[in-house]
Amino acid sequence: MKLLRETIRKLLIENYSDEEMTDFKKWHKPKEAAAAVDEITDMFKFKDWWETGSWPYKKKMYEVEYEPEPDCIVRIRVQVSYGSIYLDEIETTPDCEGKGYATEAINMIKKVAKKHMVKIMLKAYAFNTHKGEGRMSSEQLEGWYRSQGFTKDGWAMEWRPQ
């Protein structure tokens, strides 16, 4: 099994150009990303965690909340993934949308990412459960992330510290 895994990894790596491998090595920082996620979970109000992924690739998903004013909550799910900070969800309570609180939370996370020199990755996906409530579509959400400095790279959007 170990030989099979090593062979598959080698075949996958051979498909990358030297430039792509250099970029991957520059931004694949599991230890730094773990330290950044620890700092994020300390910075915001910690709510819960659970394991995601299949064995043997289980990862901890953390849910934290940012409450800039009473009854206004920005809920964030974050984990270490691909040697980066991965944001799984960011959601603001409906009455507090448009007040800039999600932007504040993103900026706080970007500051931590810059401190640890790790990139932030996410998939801009609006929840179907909120259709018809005047909430952002996936396309609008992607535009919002672009306004926060994120760029599209394949399936993911990412932000890299400069």
C-alpha atoms as a PDB file:
ATOM      1  CA  MET A   1       0.000   0.000   0.000  1.00  0.00           C
ATOM      2  CA  LYS A   2       2.853   2.364   0.862  1.00  0.00           C
ATOM      3  CA  LEU A   3       4.504   1.708  -2.524  1.00  0.00           C
ATOM      4  CA  LEU A   4       1.188   2.390  -4.301  1.00  0.00           C
ATOM      5  CA  ARG A   5       0.760   5.718  -2.465  1.00  0.00           C
ATOM      6  CA  GLU A   6       4.347   6.746  -3.240  1.00  0.00           C
ATOM      7  CA  THR A   7       3.886   5.829  -6.925  1.00  0.00           C
ATOM      8  CA  ILE A   8       0.645   7.824  -7.174  1.00  0.00           C
ATOM      9  CA  ARG A   9       2.265  10.839  -5.514  1.00  0.00           C
ATOM     10  CA  LYS A  10       5.223  10.623  -7.890  1.00  0.00           C
ATOM     11  CA  LEU A  11       2.921  10.474 -10.931  1.00  0.00           C
ATOM     12  CA  LEU A  12       0.912  13.445  -9.687  1.00  0.00           C
ATOM     13  CA  ILE A  13       4.020  15.500  -8.991  1.00  0.00           C
ATOM     14  CA  GLU A  14       5.496  14.703 -12.423  1.00  0.00           C
ATOM     15  CA  ASN A  15       2.447  16.361 -14.031  1.00  0.00           C
ATOM     16  CA  TYR A  16       3.345  19.720 -12.477  1.00  0.00           C
ATOM     17  CA  SER A  17       5.726  22.154 -14.129  1.00  0.00           C
ATOM     18  CA  ASP A  18       8.794  23.352 -12.225  1.00  0.00           C
ATOM     19  CA  GLU A  19       7.062  26.706 -11.713  1.00  0.00           C
ATOM     20  CA  GLU A  20       3.951  25.033 -10.274  1.00  0.00           C
ATOM     21  CA  MET A  21       6.062  22.888  -7.929  1.00  0.00           C
ATOM     22  CA  THR A  22       8.016  25.936  -6.741  1.00  0.00           C
ATOM     23  CA  ASP A  23       4.741  27.756  -6.062  1.00  0.00           C
ATOM     24  CA  PHE A  24       3.318  24.709  -4.250  1.00  0.00           C
ATOM     25  CA  LYS A  25       6.403  24.384  -2.043  1.00  0.00           C
ATOM     26  CA  LYS A  26       6.347  28.110  -1.262  1.00  0.00           C
ATOM     27  CA  TRP A  27       2.751  28.064  -0.029  1.00  0.00           C
ATOM     28  CA  HIS A  28       2.320  24.529   1.358  1.00  0.00           C
ATOM     29  CA  LYS A  29       2.991  25.230   5.047  1.00  0.00           C
ATOM     30  CA  PRO A  30       1.085  22.806   7.290  1.00  0.00           C
ATOM     31  CA  LYS A  31       2.820  23.791  10.553  1.00  0.00           C
ATOM     32  CA  GLU A  32       2.427  27.524   9.972  1.00  0.00           C
ATOM     33  CA  ALA A  33      -1.187  27.054   8.862  1.00  0.00           C
ATOM     34  CA  ALA A  34      -1.929  25.054  12.035  1.00  0.00           C
ATOM     35  CA  ALA A  35      -0.422  27.835  14.162  1.00  0.00           C
ATOM     36  CA  ALA A  36      -2.517  30.405  12.285  1.00  0.00           C
ATOM     37  CA  VAL A  37      -5.731  28.408  12.776  1.00  0.00           C
ATOM     38  CA  ASP A  38      -4.916  28.058  16.489  1.00  0.00           C
ATOM     39  CA  GLU A  39      -4.513  31.827  16.683  1.00  0.00           C
ATOM     40  CA  ILE A  40      -7.811  32.381  14.841  1.00  0.00           C
ATOM     41  CA  THR A  41      -9.687  30.055  17.203  1.00  0.00           C
ATOM     42  CA  ASP A  42      -8.205  31.987  20.149  1.00  0.00           C
ATOM     43  CA  MET A  43      -9.012  35.376  18.607  1.00  0.00           C
ATOM     44  CA  PHE A  44     -12.721  34.712  18.085  1.00  0.00           C
ATOM     45  CA  LYS A  45     -15.307  33.140  20.383  1.00  0.00           C
ATOM     46  CA  PHE A  46     -14.779  29.375  20.098  1.00  0.00           C
ATOM     47  CA  LYS A  47     -18.002  27.421  19.583  1.00  0.00           C
ATOM     48  CA  ASP A  48     -17.236  23.871  18.493  1.00  0.00           C
ATOM     49  CA  TRP A  49     -15.035  21.524  16.459  1.00  0.00           C
ATOM     50  CA  TRP A  50     -15.490  18.208  14.667  1.00  0.00           C
ATOM     51  CA  GLU A  51     -13.531  15.962  12.356  1.00  0.00           C
ATOM     52  CA  THR A  52     -13.944  16.083   8.586  1.00  0.00           C
ATOM     53  CA  GLY A  53     -12.494  13.955   5.826  1.00  0.00           C
ATOM     54  CA  SER A  54     -12.002  10.238   5.545  1.00  0.00           C
ATOM     55  CA  TRP A  55      -9.564   8.068   7.384  1.00  0.00           C
ATOM     56  CA  PRO A  56      -6.542   8.531   7.433  1.00  0.00           C
ATOM     57  CA  TYR A  57      -6.937  12.145   6.319  1.00  0.00           C
ATOM     58  CA  LYS A  58      -9.107  13.436   9.140  1.00  0.00           C
ATOM     59  CA  LYS A  59      -8.875  17.155   9.876  1.00  0.00           C
ATOM     60  CA  LYS A  60     -10.424  19.286  12.572  1.00  0.00           C
ATOM     61  CA  MET A  61     -13.006  21.848  11.474  1.00  0.00           C
ATOM     62  CA  TYR A  62     -13.437  24.693  13.957  1.00  0.00           C
ATOM     63  CA  GLU A  63     -16.467  26.931  14.278  1.00  0.00           C
ATOM     64  CA  VAL A  64     -15.896  30.366  15.784  1.00  0.00           C
ATOM     65  CA  GLU A  65     -17.986  33.516  16.094  1.00  0.00           C
ATOM     66  CA  TYR A  66     -17.210  37.196  15.858  1.00  0.00           C
ATOM     67  CA  GLU A  67     -19.747  39.390  17.677  1.00  0.00           C
ATOM     68  CA  PRO A  68     -18.934  43.056  16.969  1.00  0.00           C
ATOM     69  CA  GLU A  69     -22.189  44.237  18.559  1.00  0.00           C
ATOM     70  CA  PRO A  70     -24.945  42.478  20.533  1.00  0.00           C
ATOM     71  CA  ASP A  71     -26.983  40.047  18.430  1.00  0.00           C
ATOM     72  CA  CYS A  72     -24.746  40.568  15.353  1.00  0.00           C
ATOM     73  CA  ILE A  73     -22.757  37.429  14.716  1.00  0.00           C
ATOM     74  CA  VAL A  74     -20.332  36.466  11.979  1.00  0.00           C
ATOM     75  CA  ARG A  75     -20.008  32.674  12.094  1.00  0.00           C
ATOM     76  CA  ILE A  76     -16.793  31.258  10.616  1.00  0.00           C
ATOM     77  CA  ARG A  77     -15.709  27.681   9.975  1.00  0.00           C
ATOM     78  CA  VAL A  78     -11.965  27.251   9.546  1.00  0.00           C
ATOM     79  CA  GLN A  79      -9.453  24.418   9.219  1.00  0.00           C
ATOM     80  CA  VAL A  80      -5.965  23.602   8.012  1.00  0.00           C
ATOM     81  CA  SER A  81      -6.109  22.198   4.490  1.00  0.00           C
ATOM     82  CA  TYR A  82      -3.521  21.849   1.733  1.00  0.00           C
ATOM     83  CA  GLY A  83      -0.991  23.519   4.040  1.00  0.00           C
ATOM     84  CA  SER A  84      -3.167  26.644   4.122  1.00  0.00           C
ATOM     85  CA  ILE A  85      -5.969  28.225   6.112  1.00  0.00           C
ATOM     86  CA  TYR A  86      -9.223  26.960   4.616  1.00  0.00           C
ATOM     87  CA  LEU A  87     -12.396  28.940   5.272  1.00  0.00           C
ATOM     88  CA  ASP A  88     -15.368  26.643   4.909  1.00  0.00           C
ATOM     89  CA  GLU A  89     -18.095  29.129   5.803  1.00  0.00           C
ATOM     90  CA  ILE A  90     -18.539  32.739   6.711  1.00  0.00           C
ATOM     91  CA  GLU A  91     -22.086  33.777   7.474  1.00  0.00           C
ATOM     92  CA  THR A  92     -23.498  36.928   9.033  1.00  0.00           C
ATOM     93  CA  THR A  93     -26.826  37.017  10.824  1.00  0.00           C
ATOM     94  CA  PRO A  94     -29.370  38.471   8.357  1.00  0.00           C
ATOM     95  CA  ASP A  95     -30.156  41.630  10.365  1.00  0.00           C
ATOM     96  CA  CYS A  96     -26.469  42.554  10.437  1.00  0.00           C
ATOM     97  CA  GLU A  97     -25.601  42.069   6.770  1.00  0.00           C
ATOM     98  CA  GLY A  98     -24.181  45.054   4.977  1.00  0.00           C
ATOM     99  CA  LYS A  99     -22.600  46.587   8.081  1.00  0.00           C
ATOM    100  CA  GLY A 100     -19.056  45.499   7.201  1.00  0.00           C
ATOM    101  CA  TYR A 101     -18.697  42.935   9.984  1.00  0.00           C
ATOM    102  CA  ALA A 102     -17.758  40.035   7.669  1.00  0.00           C
ATOM    103  CA  THR A 103     -15.153  42.329   6.089  1.00  0.00           C
ATOM    104  CA  GLU A 104     -13.765  43.076   9.563  1.00  0.00           C
ATOM    105  CA  ALA A 105     -13.560  39.344  10.311  1.00  0.00           C
ATOM    106  CA  ILE A 106     -11.840  38.605   6.973  1.00  0.00           C
ATOM    107  CA  ASN A 107      -9.334  41.394   7.613  1.00  0.00           C
ATOM    108  CA  MET A 108      -8.557  39.960  11.052  1.00  0.00           C
ATOM    109  CA  ILE A 109      -7.989  36.526   9.491  1.00  0.00           C
ATOM    110  CA  LYS A 110      -5.825  38.013   6.717  1.00  0.00           C
ATOM    111  CA  LYS A 111      -3.694  39.729   9.365  1.00  0.00           C
ATOM    112  CA  VAL A 112      -3.069  36.360  11.055  1.00  0.00           C
ATOM    113  CA  ALA A 113      -2.337  34.720   7.679  1.00  0.00           C
ATOM    114  CA  LYS A 114       0.179  37.448   6.885  1.00  0.00           C
ATOM    115  CA  LYS A 115       1.853  37.031  10.286  1.00  0.00           C
ATOM    116  CA  HIS A 116       2.348  33.305   9.571  1.00  0.00           C
ATOM    117  CA  MET A 117       2.892  33.832   5.798  1.00  0.00           C
ATOM    118  CA  VAL A 118       0.260  31.299   4.774  1.00  0.00           C
ATOM    119  CA  LYS A 119      -2.404  31.610   2.143  1.00  0.00           C
ATOM    120  CA  ILE A 120      -6.155  31.500   2.734  1.00  0.00           C
ATOM    121  CA  MET A 121      -8.283  29.269   0.524  1.00  0.00           C
ATOM    122  CA  LEU A 122     -12.045  28.960   0.147  1.00  0.00           C
ATOM    123  CA  LYS A 123     -14.816  28.062  -2.258  1.00  0.00           C
ATOM    124  CA  ALA A 124     -17.330  30.858  -2.712  1.00  0.00           C
ATOM    125  CA  TYR A 125     -20.628  29.008  -2.447  1.00  0.00           C
ATOM    126  CA  ALA A 126     -23.926  30.494  -1.325  1.00  0.00           C
ATOM    127  CA  PHE A 127     -26.221  28.189   0.604  1.00  0.00           C
ATOM    128  CA  ASN A 128     -29.397  27.051  -1.159  1.00  0.00           C
ATOM    129  CA  THR A 129     -31.308  27.387   2.101  1.00  0.00           C
ATOM    130  CA  HIS A 130     -31.096  31.175   1.850  1.00  0.00           C
ATOM    131  CA  LYS A 131     -32.434  31.576  -1.698  1.00  0.00           C
ATOM    132  CA  GLY A 132     -35.262  34.037  -1.847  1.00  0.00           C
ATOM    133  CA  GLU A 133     -34.188  35.887   1.294  1.00  0.00           C
ATOM    134  CA  GLY A 134     -32.279  38.592  -0.550  1.00  0.00           C
ATOM    135  CA  ARG A 135     -28.944  36.986   0.340  1.00  0.00           C
ATOM    136  CA  MET A 136     -25.956  36.818  -2.005  1.00  0.00           C
ATOM    137  CA  SER A 137     -25.794  34.293  -4.826  1.00  0.00           C
ATOM    138  CA  SER A 138     -22.585  32.296  -5.338  1.00  0.00           C
ATOM    139  CA  GLU A 139     -21.600  34.713  -8.120  1.00  0.00           C
ATOM    140  CA  GLN A 140     -22.168  37.757  -5.889  1.00  0.00           C
ATOM    141  CA  LEU A 141     -20.284  36.049  -3.072  1.00  0.00           C
ATOM    142  CA  GLU A 142     -17.331  35.410  -5.387  1.00  0.00           C
ATOM    143  CA  GLY A 143     -17.406  39.108  -6.323  1.00  0.00           C
ATOM    144  CA  TRP A 144     -17.404  40.041  -2.633  1.00  0.00           C
ATOM    145  CA  TYR A 145     -14.335  37.855  -2.025  1.00  0.00           C
ATOM    146  CA  ARG A 146     -12.629  39.483  -5.027  1.00  0.00           C
ATOM    147  CA  SER A 147     -13.280  42.863  -3.385  1.00  0.00           C
ATOM    148  CA  GLN A 148     -11.458  41.490  -0.320  1.00  0.00           C
ATOM    149  CA  GLY A 149      -8.358  40.689  -2.388  1.00  0.00           C
ATOM    150  CA  PHE A 150      -9.056  37.025  -3.205  1.00  0.00           C
ATOM    151  CA  THR A 151      -8.336  35.618  -6.664  1.00  0.00           C
ATOM    152  CA  LYS A 152      -9.783  32.575  -8.406  1.00  0.00           C
ATOM    153  CA  ASP A 153      -7.395  29.642  -8.875  1.00  0.00           C
ATOM    154  CA  GLY A 154      -9.118  26.579 -10.309  1.00  0.00           C
ATOM    155  CA  TRP A 155     -11.913  25.475  -7.975  1.00  0.00           C
ATOM    156  CA  ALA A 156     -10.741  27.696  -5.122  1.00  0.00           C
ATOM    157  CA  MET A 157     -10.390  31.342  -4.352  1.00  0.00           C
ATOM    158  CA  GLU A 158      -7.257  32.291  -2.488  1.00  0.00           C
ATOM    159  CA  TRP A 159      -5.560  35.173  -0.776  1.00  0.00           C
ATOM    160  CA  ARG A 160      -1.782  35.290  -0.450  1.00  0.00           C
ATOM    161  CA  PRO A 161       0.066  37.601   1.922  1.00  0.00           C
ATOM    162  CA  GLN A 162       2.446  40.065   0.339  1.00  0.00           C
END
